[in-house]
Amino acid sequence: MFIYLLLLVNILLMVAGQSLWKIGLDRAGGMQLHNMFQLLTSPLIITGIMLYGAATIVWLAILSRLPLSVAYPLQSLAYVLGMFVAYYLFHETIPFHRWVGICVIIIGVFIVSRP
């Protein structure tokens, strides 16, 4: 059970890191040559990188305990969480076919996680 908690932590760290990158990029007006220094020194971007680094360390712990053929498909739940973050935090419009895709991912995770 602990391994699935680690997997959840990994997913949360990845999605949080990417969300901070998105916020940092939005505040800087996107990624352009003239604002690269601003991006590289942005606390949001730096914190996102640190969260992604922590997610990588957690991922190493997961890979030492689960087969890759199980761990990697389960990590696809990050796409599901990312879609909800996009919808609720960034107010993105999510077309119906993407919601269907998310349902397919959830069904796939359920199938892969079965013994």
PDB file of N, CA and C in Angstrom:
ATOM      1  N   MET A   1       0.829  -1.201   0.000  1.00  0.00           N
ATOM      2  CA  MET A   1       0.000   0.000   0.000  1.00  0.00           C
ATOM      3  C   MET A   1       0.874   1.267   0.000  1.00  0.00           C
ATOM      4  N   PHE A   2       2.019   1.180   0.695  1.00  0.00           N
ATOM      5  CA  PHE A   2       2.923   2.329   0.775  1.00  0.00           C
ATOM      6  C   PHE A   2       3.391   2.760  -0.606  1.00  0.00           C
ATOM      7  N   ILE A   3       3.585   1.810  -1.493  1.00  0.00           N
ATOM      8  CA  ILE A   3       4.078   2.125  -2.828  1.00  0.00           C
ATOM      9  C   ILE A   3       3.063   2.979  -3.599  1.00  0.00           C
ATOM     10  N   TYR A   4       1.779   2.732  -3.369  1.00  0.00           N
ATOM     11  CA  TYR A   4       0.756   3.524  -4.053  1.00  0.00           C
ATOM     12  C   TYR A   4       0.676   4.936  -3.473  1.00  0.00           C
ATOM     13  N   LEU A   5       0.989   5.068  -2.205  1.00  0.00           N
ATOM     14  CA  LEU A   5       1.090   6.402  -1.606  1.00  0.00           C
ATOM     15  C   LEU A   5       2.262   7.154  -2.225  1.00  0.00           C
ATOM     16  N   LEU A   6       3.389   6.465  -2.410  1.00  0.00           N
ATOM     17  CA  LEU A   6       4.543   7.078  -3.078  1.00  0.00           C
ATOM     18  C   LEU A   6       4.182   7.505  -4.504  1.00  0.00           C
ATOM     19  N   LEU A   7       3.436   6.663  -5.175  1.00  0.00           N
ATOM     20  CA  LEU A   7       3.018   6.987  -6.536  1.00  0.00           C
ATOM     21  C   LEU A   7       2.133   8.236  -6.552  1.00  0.00           C
ATOM     22  N   LEU A   8       1.233   8.338  -5.591  1.00  0.00           N
ATOM     23  CA  LEU A   8       0.385   9.524  -5.482  1.00  0.00           C
ATOM     24  C   LEU A   8       1.231  10.769  -5.211  1.00  0.00           C
ATOM     25  N   VAL A   9       2.211  10.653  -4.332  1.00  0.00           N
ATOM     26  CA  VAL A   9       3.113  11.776  -4.037  1.00  0.00           C
ATOM     27  C   VAL A   9       3.858  12.187  -5.303  1.00  0.00           C
ATOM     28  N   ASN A  10       4.349  11.205  -6.056  1.00  0.00           N
ATOM     29  CA  ASN A  10       5.044  11.476  -7.311  1.00  0.00           C
ATOM     30  C   ASN A  10       4.150  12.247  -8.278  1.00  0.00           C
ATOM     31  N   ILE A  11       2.933  11.801  -8.430  1.00  0.00           N
ATOM     32  CA  ILE A  11       1.982  12.457  -9.342  1.00  0.00           C
ATOM     33  C   ILE A  11       1.696  13.876  -8.878  1.00  0.00           C
ATOM     34  N   LEU A  12       1.450  14.058  -7.602  1.00  0.00           N
ATOM     35  CA  LEU A  12       1.154  15.392  -7.071  1.00  0.00           C
ATOM     36  C   LEU A  12       2.334  16.343  -7.261  1.00  0.00           C
ATOM     37  N   LEU A  13       3.546  15.842  -7.020  1.00  0.00           N
ATOM     38  CA  LEU A  13       4.740  16.677  -7.205  1.00  0.00           C
ATOM     39  C   LEU A  13       4.903  17.080  -8.671  1.00  0.00           C
ATOM     40  N   MET A  14       4.693  16.130  -9.581  1.00  0.00           N
ATOM     41  CA  MET A  14       4.840  16.439 -11.007  1.00  0.00           C
ATOM     42  C   MET A  14       3.814  17.471 -11.466  1.00  0.00           C
ATOM     43  N   VAL A  15       2.571  17.267 -11.092  1.00  0.00           N
ATOM     44  CA  VAL A  15       1.517  18.186 -11.528  1.00  0.00           C
ATOM     45  C   VAL A  15       1.701  19.555 -10.876  1.00  0.00           C
ATOM     46  N   ALA A  16       2.100  19.584  -9.618  1.00  0.00           N
ATOM     47  CA  ALA A  16       2.352  20.867  -8.949  1.00  0.00           C
ATOM     48  C   ALA A  16       3.505  21.603  -9.617  1.00  0.00           C
ATOM     49  N   GLY A  17       4.574  20.878  -9.938  1.00  0.00           N
ATOM     50  CA  GLY A  17       5.717  21.492 -10.608  1.00  0.00           C
ATOM     51  C   GLY A  17       5.340  22.066 -11.961  1.00  0.00           C
ATOM     52  N   GLN A  18       4.615  21.299 -12.746  1.00  0.00           N
ATOM     53  CA  GLN A  18       4.206  21.779 -14.064  1.00  0.00           C
ATOM     54  C   GLN A  18       3.235  22.949 -13.964  1.00  0.00           C
ATOM     55  N   SER A  19       2.383  22.924 -12.954  1.00  0.00           N
ATOM     56  CA  SER A  19       1.443  24.044 -12.756  1.00  0.00           C
ATOM     57  C   SER A  19       2.201  25.317 -12.407  1.00  0.00           C
ATOM     58  N   LEU A  20       3.230  25.201 -11.569  1.00  0.00           N
ATOM     59  CA  LEU A  20       4.038  26.379 -11.248  1.00  0.00           C
ATOM     60  C   LEU A  20       4.771  26.891 -12.483  1.00  0.00           C
ATOM     61  N   TRP A  21       5.246  25.975 -13.336  1.00  0.00           N
ATOM     62  CA  TRP A  21       5.877  26.402 -14.588  1.00  0.00           C
ATOM     63  C   TRP A  21       4.891  27.180 -15.444  1.00  0.00           C
ATOM     64  N   LYS A  22       3.666  26.680 -15.536  1.00  0.00           N
ATOM     65  CA  LYS A  22       2.637  27.343 -16.347  1.00  0.00           C
ATOM     66  C   LYS A  22       2.337  28.735 -15.794  1.00  0.00           C
ATOM     67  N   ILE A  23       2.198  28.853 -14.490  1.00  0.00           N
ATOM     68  CA  ILE A  23       1.928  30.152 -13.877  1.00  0.00           C
ATOM     69  C   ILE A  23       3.101  31.099 -14.121  1.00  0.00           C
ATOM     70  N   GLY A  24       4.316  30.600 -13.914  1.00  0.00           N
ATOM     71  CA  GLY A  24       5.510  31.419 -14.144  1.00  0.00           C
ATOM     72  C   GLY A  24       5.612  31.884 -15.585  1.00  0.00           C
ATOM     73  N   LEU A  25       5.335  30.993 -16.523  1.00  0.00           N
ATOM     74  CA  LEU A  25       5.372  31.351 -17.941  1.00  0.00           C
ATOM     75  C   LEU A  25       4.287  32.369 -18.288  1.00  0.00           C
ATOM     76  N   ASP A  26       3.094  32.164 -17.746  1.00  0.00           N
ATOM     77  CA  ASP A  26       2.001  33.112 -17.999  1.00  0.00           C
ATOM     78  C   ASP A  26       2.342  34.503 -17.486  1.00  0.00           C
ATOM     79  N   ARG A  27       2.920  34.565 -16.301  1.00  0.00           N
ATOM     80  CA  ARG A  27       3.281  35.863 -15.718  1.00  0.00           C
ATOM     81  C   ARG A  27       4.388  36.567 -16.492  1.00  0.00           C
ATOM     82  N   ALA A  28       5.265  35.777 -17.110  1.00  0.00           N
ATOM     83  CA  ALA A  28       6.381  36.354 -17.878  1.00  0.00           C
ATOM     84  C   ALA A  28       6.002  36.648 -19.324  1.00  0.00           C
ATOM     85  N   GLY A  29       4.801  36.278 -19.715  1.00  0.00           N
ATOM     86  CA  GLY A  29       4.386  36.495 -21.093  1.00  0.00           C
ATOM     87  C   GLY A  29       4.871  35.415 -22.041  1.00  0.00           C
ATOM     88  N   GLY A  30       5.106  34.229 -21.514  1.00  0.00           N
ATOM     89  CA  GLY A  30       5.560  33.120 -22.342  1.00  0.00           C
ATOM     90  C   GLY A  30       7.070  33.000 -22.332  1.00  0.00           C
ATOM     91  N   MET A  31       7.560  32.040 -23.089  1.00  0.00           N
ATOM     92  CA  MET A  31       8.998  31.808 -23.176  1.00  0.00           C
ATOM     93  C   MET A  31       9.514  32.423 -24.469  1.00  0.00           C
ATOM     94  N   GLN A  32      10.319  33.457 -24.308  1.00  0.00           N
ATOM     95  CA  GLN A  32      10.888  34.152 -25.458  1.00  0.00           C
ATOM     96  C   GLN A  32      12.347  34.457 -25.154  1.00  0.00           C
ATOM     97  N   LEU A  33      13.096  34.721 -26.185  1.00  0.00           N
ATOM     98  CA  LEU A  33      14.536  34.951 -26.016  1.00  0.00           C
ATOM     99  C   LEU A  33      14.819  36.111 -25.059  1.00  0.00           C
ATOM    100  N   HIS A  34      14.029  37.173 -25.143  1.00  0.00           N
ATOM    101  CA  HIS A  34      14.304  38.359 -24.332  1.00  0.00           C
ATOM    102  C   HIS A  34      13.978  38.192 -22.842  1.00  0.00           C
ATOM    103  N   ASN A  35      13.209  37.153 -22.471  1.00  0.00           N
ATOM    104  CA  ASN A  35      12.860  36.998 -21.052  1.00  0.00           C
ATOM    105  C   ASN A  35      13.420  35.708 -20.439  1.00  0.00           C
ATOM    106  N   MET A  36      14.411  35.124 -21.083  1.00  0.00           N
ATOM    107  CA  MET A  36      14.974  33.868 -20.569  1.00  0.00           C
ATOM    108  C   MET A  36      15.572  34.029 -19.169  1.00  0.00           C
ATOM    109  N   PHE A  37      16.281  35.119 -18.933  1.00  0.00           N
ATOM    110  CA  PHE A  37      16.858  35.332 -17.605  1.00  0.00           C
ATOM    111  C   PHE A  37      15.754  35.471 -16.565  1.00  0.00           C
ATOM    112  N   GLN A  38      14.710  36.198 -16.912  1.00  0.00           N
ATOM    113  CA  GLN A  38      13.575  36.361 -15.994  1.00  0.00           C
ATOM    114  C   GLN A  38      12.959  35.002 -15.668  1.00  0.00           C
ATOM    115  N   LEU A  39      12.817  34.153 -16.671  1.00  0.00           N
ATOM    116  CA  LEU A  39      12.249  32.822 -16.439  1.00  0.00           C
ATOM    117  C   LEU A  39      13.165  31.965 -15.575  1.00  0.00           C
ATOM    118  N   LEU A  40      14.448  31.983 -15.881  1.00  0.00           N
ATOM    119  CA  LEU A  40      15.391  31.132 -15.159  1.00  0.00           C
ATOM    120  C   LEU A  40      15.602  31.564 -13.706  1.00  0.00           C
ATOM    121  N   THR A  41      15.248  32.801 -13.404  1.00  0.00           N
ATOM    122  CA  THR A  41      15.378  33.293 -12.032  1.00  0.00           C
ATOM    123  C   THR A  41      14.030  33.440 -11.332  1.00  0.00           C
ATOM    124  N   SER A  42      12.958  33.060 -12.007  1.00  0.00           N
ATOM    125  CA  SER A  42      11.617  33.161 -11.433  1.00  0.00           C
ATOM    126  C   SER A  42      11.458  32.172 -10.281  1.00  0.00           C
ATOM    127  N   PRO A  43      11.003  32.638  -9.126  1.00  0.00           N
ATOM    128  CA  PRO A  43      10.769  31.716  -8.004  1.00  0.00           C
ATOM    129  C   PRO A  43       9.769  30.605  -8.363  1.00  0.00           C
ATOM    130  N   LEU A  44       8.795  30.920  -9.199  1.00  0.00           N
ATOM    131  CA  LEU A  44       7.820  29.905  -9.599  1.00  0.00           C
ATOM    132  C   LEU A  44       8.480  28.813 -10.437  1.00  0.00           C
ATOM    133  N   ILE A  45       9.294  29.210 -11.396  1.00  0.00           N
ATOM    134  CA  ILE A  45       9.972  28.246 -12.254  1.00  0.00           C
ATOM    135  C   ILE A  45      10.971  27.420 -11.431  1.00  0.00           C
ATOM    136  N   ILE A  46      11.729  28.089 -10.578  1.00  0.00           N
ATOM    137  CA  ILE A  46      12.721  27.390  -9.748  1.00  0.00           C
ATOM    138  C   ILE A  46      12.034  26.401  -8.806  1.00  0.00           C
ATOM    139  N   THR A  47      10.932  26.821  -8.182  1.00  0.00           N
ATOM    140  CA  THR A  47      10.201  25.916  -7.288  1.00  0.00           C
ATOM    141  C   THR A  47       9.636  24.737  -8.065  1.00  0.00           C
ATOM    142  N   GLY A  48       9.137  24.997  -9.275  1.00  0.00           N
ATOM    143  CA  GLY A  48       8.650  23.913 -10.119  1.00  0.00           C
ATOM    144  C   GLY A  48       9.745  22.915 -10.442  1.00  0.00           C
ATOM    145  N   ILE A  49      10.940  23.408 -10.722  1.00  0.00           N
ATOM    146  CA  ILE A  49      12.083  22.527 -10.997  1.00  0.00           C
ATOM    147  C   ILE A  49      12.421  21.700  -9.757  1.00  0.00           C
ATOM    148  N   MET A  50      12.374  22.327  -8.595  1.00  0.00           N
ATOM    149  CA  MET A  50      12.666  21.604  -7.357  1.00  0.00           C
ATOM    150  C   MET A  50      11.620  20.522  -7.098  1.00  0.00           C
ATOM    151  N   LEU A  51      10.354  20.830  -7.344  1.00  0.00           N
ATOM    152  CA  LEU A  51       9.299  19.834  -7.166  1.00  0.00           C
ATOM    153  C   LEU A  51       9.487  18.673  -8.142  1.00  0.00           C
ATOM    154  N   TYR A  52       9.872  18.994  -9.369  1.00  0.00           N
ATOM    155  CA  TYR A  52      10.121  17.956 -10.359  1.00  0.00           C
ATOM    156  C   TYR A  52      11.323  17.100  -9.949  1.00  0.00           C
ATOM    157  N   GLY A  53      12.332  17.719  -9.364  1.00  0.00           N
ATOM    158  CA  GLY A  53      13.471  16.962  -8.851  1.00  0.00           C
ATOM    159  C   GLY A  53      13.054  16.020  -7.737  1.00  0.00           C
ATOM    160  N   ALA A  54      12.211  16.512  -6.842  1.00  0.00           N
ATOM    161  CA  ALA A  54      11.702  15.664  -5.757  1.00  0.00           C
ATOM    162  C   ALA A  54      10.867  14.519  -6.327  1.00  0.00           C
ATOM    163  N   ALA A  55      10.070  14.820  -7.356  1.00  0.00           N
ATOM    164  CA  ALA A  55       9.268  13.777  -8.001  1.00  0.00           C
ATOM    165  C   ALA A  55      10.166  12.703  -8.603  1.00  0.00           C
ATOM    166  N   THR A  56      11.296  13.095  -9.136  1.00  0.00           N
ATOM    167  CA  THR A  56      12.234  12.138  -9.721  1.00  0.00           C
ATOM    168  C   THR A  56      12.811  11.220  -8.649  1.00  0.00           C
ATOM    169  N   ILE A  57      13.149  11.778  -7.501  1.00  0.00           N
ATOM    170  CA  ILE A  57      13.660  10.962  -6.397  1.00  0.00           C
ATOM    171  C   ILE A  57      12.595   9.968  -5.927  1.00  0.00           C
ATOM    172  N   VAL A  58      11.355  10.432  -5.809  1.00  0.00           N
ATOM    173  CA  VAL A  58      10.259   9.537  -5.421  1.00  0.00           C
ATOM    174  C   VAL A  58      10.061   8.462  -6.493  1.00  0.00           C
ATOM    175  N   TRP A  59      10.173   8.855  -7.764  1.00  0.00           N
ATOM    176  CA  TRP A  59      10.018   7.905  -8.871  1.00  0.00           C
ATOM    177  C   TRP A  59      11.075   6.794  -8.786  1.00  0.00           C
ATOM    178  N   LEU A  60      12.292   7.153  -8.410  1.00  0.00           N
ATOM    179  CA  LEU A  60      13.340   6.142  -8.240  1.00  0.00           C
ATOM    180  C   LEU A  60      12.959   5.142  -7.148  1.00  0.00           C
ATOM    181  N   ALA A  61      12.377   5.641  -6.075  1.00  0.00           N
ATOM    182  CA  ALA A  61      11.923   4.749  -4.996  1.00  0.00           C
ATOM    183  C   ALA A  61      10.809   3.834  -5.498  1.00  0.00           C
ATOM    184  N   ILE A  62       9.929   4.375  -6.320  1.00  0.00           N
ATOM    185  CA  ILE A  62       8.831   3.571  -6.877  1.00  0.00           C
ATOM    186  C   ILE A  62       9.389   2.477  -7.780  1.00  0.00           C
ATOM    187  N   LEU A  63      10.327   2.853  -8.654  1.00  0.00           N
ATOM    188  CA  LEU A  63      10.882   1.878  -9.596  1.00  0.00           C
ATOM    189  C   LEU A  63      11.651   0.771  -8.894  1.00  0.00           C
ATOM    190  N   SER A  64      12.152   1.045  -7.693  1.00  0.00           N
ATOM    191  CA  SER A  64      12.858   0.004  -6.956  1.00  0.00           C
ATOM    192  C   SER A  64      11.888  -0.995  -6.319  1.00  0.00           C
ATOM    193  N   ARG A  65      10.595  -0.664  -6.316  1.00  0.00           N
ATOM    194  CA  ARG A  65       9.603  -1.516  -5.652  1.00  0.00           C
ATOM    195  C   ARG A  65       8.536  -2.081  -6.588  1.00  0.00           C
ATOM    196  N   LEU A  66       8.349  -1.460  -7.736  1.00  0.00           N
ATOM    197  CA  LEU A  66       7.308  -1.897  -8.678  1.00  0.00           C
ATOM    198  C   LEU A  66       7.915  -2.156 -10.055  1.00  0.00           C
ATOM    199  N   PRO A  67       7.381  -3.124 -10.777  1.00  0.00           N
ATOM    200  CA  PRO A  67       7.822  -3.286 -12.155  1.00  0.00           C
ATOM    201  C   PRO A  67       7.448  -2.051 -12.977  1.00  0.00           C
ATOM    202  N   LEU A  68       8.287  -1.690 -13.918  1.00  0.00           N
ATOM    203  CA  LEU A  68       8.015  -0.539 -14.777  1.00  0.00           C
ATOM    204  C   LEU A  68       6.699  -0.715 -15.522  1.00  0.00           C
ATOM    205  N   SER A  69       6.378  -1.955 -15.886  1.00  0.00           N
ATOM    206  CA  SER A  69       5.146  -2.218 -16.629  1.00  0.00           C
ATOM    207  C   SER A  69       3.896  -1.948 -15.810  1.00  0.00           C
ATOM    208  N   VAL A  70       4.039  -1.819 -14.507  1.00  0.00           N
ATOM    209  CA  VAL A  70       2.928  -1.440 -13.633  1.00  0.00           C
ATOM    210  C   VAL A  70       3.033   0.043 -13.271  1.00  0.00           C
ATOM    211  N   ALA A  71       4.218   0.474 -12.873  1.00  0.00           N
ATOM    212  CA  ALA A  71       4.400   1.837 -12.373  1.00  0.00           C
ATOM    213  C   ALA A  71       4.095   2.886 -13.440  1.00  0.00           C
ATOM    214  N   TYR A  72       4.606   2.675 -14.638  1.00  0.00           N
ATOM    215  CA  TYR A  72       4.470   3.702 -15.678  1.00  0.00           C
ATOM    216  C   TYR A  72       3.017   3.934 -16.081  1.00  0.00           C
ATOM    217  N   PRO A  73       2.239   2.880 -16.317  1.00  0.00           N
ATOM    218  CA  PRO A  73       0.827   3.137 -16.620  1.00  0.00           C
ATOM    219  C   PRO A  73       0.075   3.808 -15.464  1.00  0.00           C
ATOM    220  N   LEU A  74       0.413   3.446 -14.234  1.00  0.00           N
ATOM    221  CA  LEU A  74      -0.264   4.077 -13.094  1.00  0.00           C
ATOM    222  C   LEU A  74       0.080   5.556 -13.001  1.00  0.00           C
ATOM    223  N   GLN A  75       1.282   5.901 -13.419  1.00  0.00           N
ATOM    224  CA  GLN A  75       1.691   7.304 -13.388  1.00  0.00           C
ATOM    225  C   GLN A  75       0.890   8.144 -14.382  1.00  0.00           C
ATOM    226  N   SER A  76       0.219   7.499 -15.316  1.00  0.00           N
ATOM    227  CA  SER A  76      -0.600   8.249 -16.274  1.00  0.00           C
ATOM    228  C   SER A  76      -1.759   8.973 -15.590  1.00  0.00           C
ATOM    229  N   LEU A  77      -1.999   8.664 -14.338  1.00  0.00           N
ATOM    230  CA  LEU A  77      -3.006   9.431 -13.594  1.00  0.00           C
ATOM    231  C   LEU A  77      -2.604  10.895 -13.463  1.00  0.00           C
ATOM    232  N   ALA A  78      -1.332  11.195 -13.698  1.00  0.00           N
ATOM    233  CA  ALA A  78      -0.894  12.598 -13.714  1.00  0.00           C
ATOM    234  C   ALA A  78      -1.618  13.359 -14.821  1.00  0.00           C
ATOM    235  N   TYR A  79      -1.896  12.697 -15.947  1.00  0.00           N
ATOM    236  CA  TYR A  79      -2.642  13.343 -17.030  1.00  0.00           C
ATOM    237  C   TYR A  79      -4.056  13.679 -16.582  1.00  0.00           C
ATOM    238  N   VAL A  80      -4.638  12.784 -15.808  1.00  0.00           N
ATOM    239  CA  VAL A  80      -5.997  13.010 -15.303  1.00  0.00           C
ATOM    240  C   VAL A  80      -5.995  14.208 -14.365  1.00  0.00           C
ATOM    241  N   LEU A  81      -5.093  14.205 -13.403  1.00  0.00           N
ATOM    242  CA  LEU A  81      -5.014  15.326 -12.460  1.00  0.00           C
ATOM    243  C   LEU A  81      -4.669  16.615 -13.190  1.00  0.00           C
ATOM    244  N   GLY A  82      -3.764  16.534 -14.156  1.00  0.00           N
ATOM    245  CA  GLY A  82      -3.394  17.716 -14.931  1.00  0.00           C
ATOM    246  C   GLY A  82      -4.573  18.325 -15.666  1.00  0.00           C
ATOM    247  N   MET A  83      -5.461  17.488 -16.161  1.00  0.00           N
ATOM    248  CA  MET A  83      -6.650  17.985 -16.855  1.00  0.00           C
ATOM    249  C   MET A  83      -7.556  18.754 -15.893  1.00  0.00           C
ATOM    250  N   PHE A  84      -7.709  18.245 -14.681  1.00  0.00           N
ATOM    251  CA  PHE A  84      -8.528  18.946 -13.697  1.00  0.00           C
ATOM    252  C   PHE A  84      -7.884  20.264 -13.274  1.00  0.00           C
ATOM    253  N   VAL A  85      -6.577  20.270 -13.138  1.00  0.00           N
ATOM    254  CA  VAL A  85      -5.862  21.509 -12.820  1.00  0.00           C
ATOM    255  C   VAL A  85      -6.061  22.524 -13.949  1.00  0.00           C
ATOM    256  N   ALA A  86      -5.937  22.069 -15.186  1.00  0.00           N
ATOM    257  CA  ALA A  86      -6.135  22.957 -16.334  1.00  0.00           C
ATOM    258  C   ALA A  86      -7.544  23.559 -16.313  1.00  0.00           C
ATOM    259  N   TYR A  87      -8.512  22.745 -15.983  1.00  0.00           N
ATOM    260  CA  TYR A  87      -9.908  23.200 -15.980  1.00  0.00           C
ATOM    261  C   TYR A  87     -10.196  24.151 -14.811  1.00  0.00           C
ATOM    262  N   TYR A  88      -9.827  23.743 -13.603  1.00  0.00           N
ATOM    263  CA  TYR A  88     -10.200  24.520 -12.417  1.00  0.00           C
ATOM    264  C   TYR A  88      -9.245  25.670 -12.109  1.00  0.00           C
ATOM    265  N   LEU A  89      -7.959  25.482 -12.293  1.00  0.00           N
ATOM    266  CA  LEU A  89      -6.995  26.519 -11.936  1.00  0.00           C
ATOM    267  C   LEU A  89      -6.760  27.501 -13.083  1.00  0.00           C
ATOM    268  N   PHE A  90      -6.639  26.953 -14.303  1.00  0.00           N
ATOM    269  CA  PHE A  90      -6.320  27.809 -15.439  1.00  0.00           C
ATOM    270  C   PHE A  90      -7.537  28.151 -16.287  1.00  0.00           C
ATOM    271  N   HIS A  91      -8.692  27.637 -15.898  1.00  0.00           N
ATOM    272  CA  HIS A  91      -9.964  27.928 -16.577  1.00  0.00           C
ATOM    273  C   HIS A  91      -9.892  27.622 -18.075  1.00  0.00           C
ATOM    274  N   GLU A  92      -9.207  26.535 -18.414  1.00  0.00           N
ATOM    275  CA  GLU A  92      -9.123  26.116 -19.807  1.00  0.00           C
ATOM    276  C   GLU A  92     -10.406  25.388 -20.200  1.00  0.00           C
ATOM    277  N   THR A  93     -10.793  25.557 -21.428  1.00  0.00           N
ATOM    278  CA  THR A  93     -11.928  24.828 -21.965  1.00  0.00           C
ATOM    279  C   THR A  93     -11.448  23.445 -22.379  1.00  0.00           C
ATOM    280  N   ILE A  94     -12.119  22.427 -21.881  1.00  0.00           N
ATOM    281  CA  ILE A  94     -11.737  21.055 -22.179  1.00  0.00           C
ATOM    282  C   ILE A  94     -12.815  20.455 -23.084  1.00  0.00           C
ATOM    283  N   PRO A  95     -12.474  20.148 -24.319  1.00  0.00           N
ATOM    284  CA  PRO A  95     -13.467  19.564 -25.217  1.00  0.00           C
ATOM    285  C   PRO A  95     -13.895  18.164 -24.760  1.00  0.00           C
ATOM    286  N   PHE A  96     -15.053  17.768 -25.210  1.00  0.00           N
ATOM    287  CA  PHE A  96     -15.633  16.485 -24.825  1.00  0.00           C
ATOM    288  C   PHE A  96     -14.688  15.320 -25.104  1.00  0.00           C
ATOM    289  N   HIS A  97     -14.042  15.318 -26.258  1.00  0.00           N
ATOM    290  CA  HIS A  97     -13.185  14.182 -26.612  1.00  0.00           C
ATOM    291  C   HIS A  97     -12.008  14.029 -25.640  1.00  0.00           C
ATOM    292  N   ARG A  98     -11.561  15.122 -25.022  1.00  0.00           N
ATOM    293  CA  ARG A  98     -10.485  14.990 -24.023  1.00  0.00           C
ATOM    294  C   ARG A  98     -11.016  14.353 -22.742  1.00  0.00           C
ATOM    295  N   TRP A  99     -12.253  14.694 -22.364  1.00  0.00           N
ATOM    296  CA  TRP A  99     -12.862  14.045 -21.201  1.00  0.00           C
ATOM    297  C   TRP A  99     -13.012  12.549 -21.454  1.00  0.00           C
ATOM    298  N   VAL A 100     -13.378  12.192 -22.685  1.00  0.00           N
ATOM    299  CA  VAL A 100     -13.480  10.774 -23.039  1.00  0.00           C
ATOM    300  C   VAL A 100     -12.095  10.124 -22.909  1.00  0.00           C
ATOM    301  N   GLY A 101     -11.070  10.791 -23.385  1.00  0.00           N
ATOM    302  CA  GLY A 101      -9.708  10.274 -23.263  1.00  0.00           C
ATOM    303  C   GLY A 101      -9.298  10.065 -21.820  1.00  0.00           C
ATOM    304  N   ILE A 102      -9.677  10.994 -20.962  1.00  0.00           N
ATOM    305  CA  ILE A 102      -9.368  10.859 -19.533  1.00  0.00           C
ATOM    306  C   ILE A 102     -10.077   9.639 -18.957  1.00  0.00           C
ATOM    307  N   CYS A 103     -11.311   9.407 -19.373  1.00  0.00           N
ATOM    308  CA  CYS A 103     -12.038   8.213 -18.916  1.00  0.00           C
ATOM    309  C   CYS A 103     -11.328   6.939 -19.379  1.00  0.00           C
ATOM    310  N   VAL A 104     -10.819   6.948 -20.598  1.00  0.00           N
ATOM    311  CA  VAL A 104     -10.077   5.795 -21.111  1.00  0.00           C
ATOM    312  C   VAL A 104      -8.824   5.552 -20.267  1.00  0.00           C
ATOM    313  N   ILE A 105      -8.141   6.620 -19.911  1.00  0.00           N
ATOM    314  CA  ILE A 105      -6.952   6.483 -19.052  1.00  0.00           C
ATOM    315  C   ILE A 105      -7.327   5.868 -17.707  1.00  0.00           C
ATOM    316  N   ILE A 106      -8.410   6.360 -17.113  1.00  0.00           N
ATOM    317  CA  ILE A 106      -8.835   5.840 -15.809  1.00  0.00           C
ATOM    318  C   ILE A 106      -9.190   4.358 -15.914  1.00  0.00           C
ATOM    319  N   ILE A 107      -9.890   3.982 -16.973  1.00  0.00           N
ATOM    320  CA  ILE A 107     -10.224   2.560 -17.177  1.00  0.00           C
ATOM    321  C   ILE A 107      -8.939   1.759 -17.355  1.00  0.00           C
ATOM    322  N   GLY A 108      -7.987   2.286 -18.119  1.00  0.00           N
ATOM    323  CA  GLY A 108      -6.713   1.598 -18.319  1.00  0.00           C
ATOM    324  C   GLY A 108      -5.947   1.417 -17.029  1.00  0.00           C
ATOM    325  N   VAL A 109      -5.937   2.436 -16.192  1.00  0.00           N
ATOM    326  CA  VAL A 109      -5.257   2.338 -14.893  1.00  0.00           C
ATOM    327  C   VAL A 109      -5.925   1.267 -14.044  1.00  0.00           C
ATOM    328  N   PHE A 110      -7.241   1.236 -14.070  1.00  0.00           N
ATOM    329  CA  PHE A 110      -7.962   0.216 -13.312  1.00  0.00           C
ATOM    330  C   PHE A 110      -7.579  -1.184 -13.786  1.00  0.00           C
ATOM    331  N   ILE A 111      -7.510  -1.373 -15.095  1.00  0.00           N
ATOM    332  CA  ILE A 111      -7.156  -2.687 -15.657  1.00  0.00           C
ATOM    333  C   ILE A 111      -5.722  -3.065 -15.299  1.00  0.00           C
ATOM    334  N   VAL A 112      -4.797  -2.120 -15.447  1.00  0.00           N
ATOM    335  CA  VAL A 112      -3.389  -2.398 -15.162  1.00  0.00           C
ATOM    336  C   VAL A 112      -3.166  -2.685 -13.684  1.00  0.00           C
ATOM    337  N   SER A 113      -3.916  -2.041 -12.822  1.00  0.00           N
ATOM    338  CA  SER A 113      -3.695  -2.201 -11.379  1.00  0.00           C
ATOM    339  C   SER A 113      -4.290  -3.488 -10.809  1.00  0.00           C
ATOM    340  N   ARG A 114      -5.065  -4.173 -11.594  1.00  0.00           N
ATOM    341  CA  ARG A 114      -5.652  -5.444 -11.126  1.00  0.00           C
ATOM    342  C   ARG A 114      -4.555  -6.513 -11.036  1.00  0.00           C
ATOM    343  N   PRO A 115      -4.634  -7.349 -10.013  1.00  0.00           N
ATOM    344  CA  PRO A 115      -3.629  -8.417  -9.881  1.00  0.00           C
ATOM    345  C   PRO A 115      -3.769  -9.479 -10.974  1.00  0.00           C
TER     346      PRO A 115
END
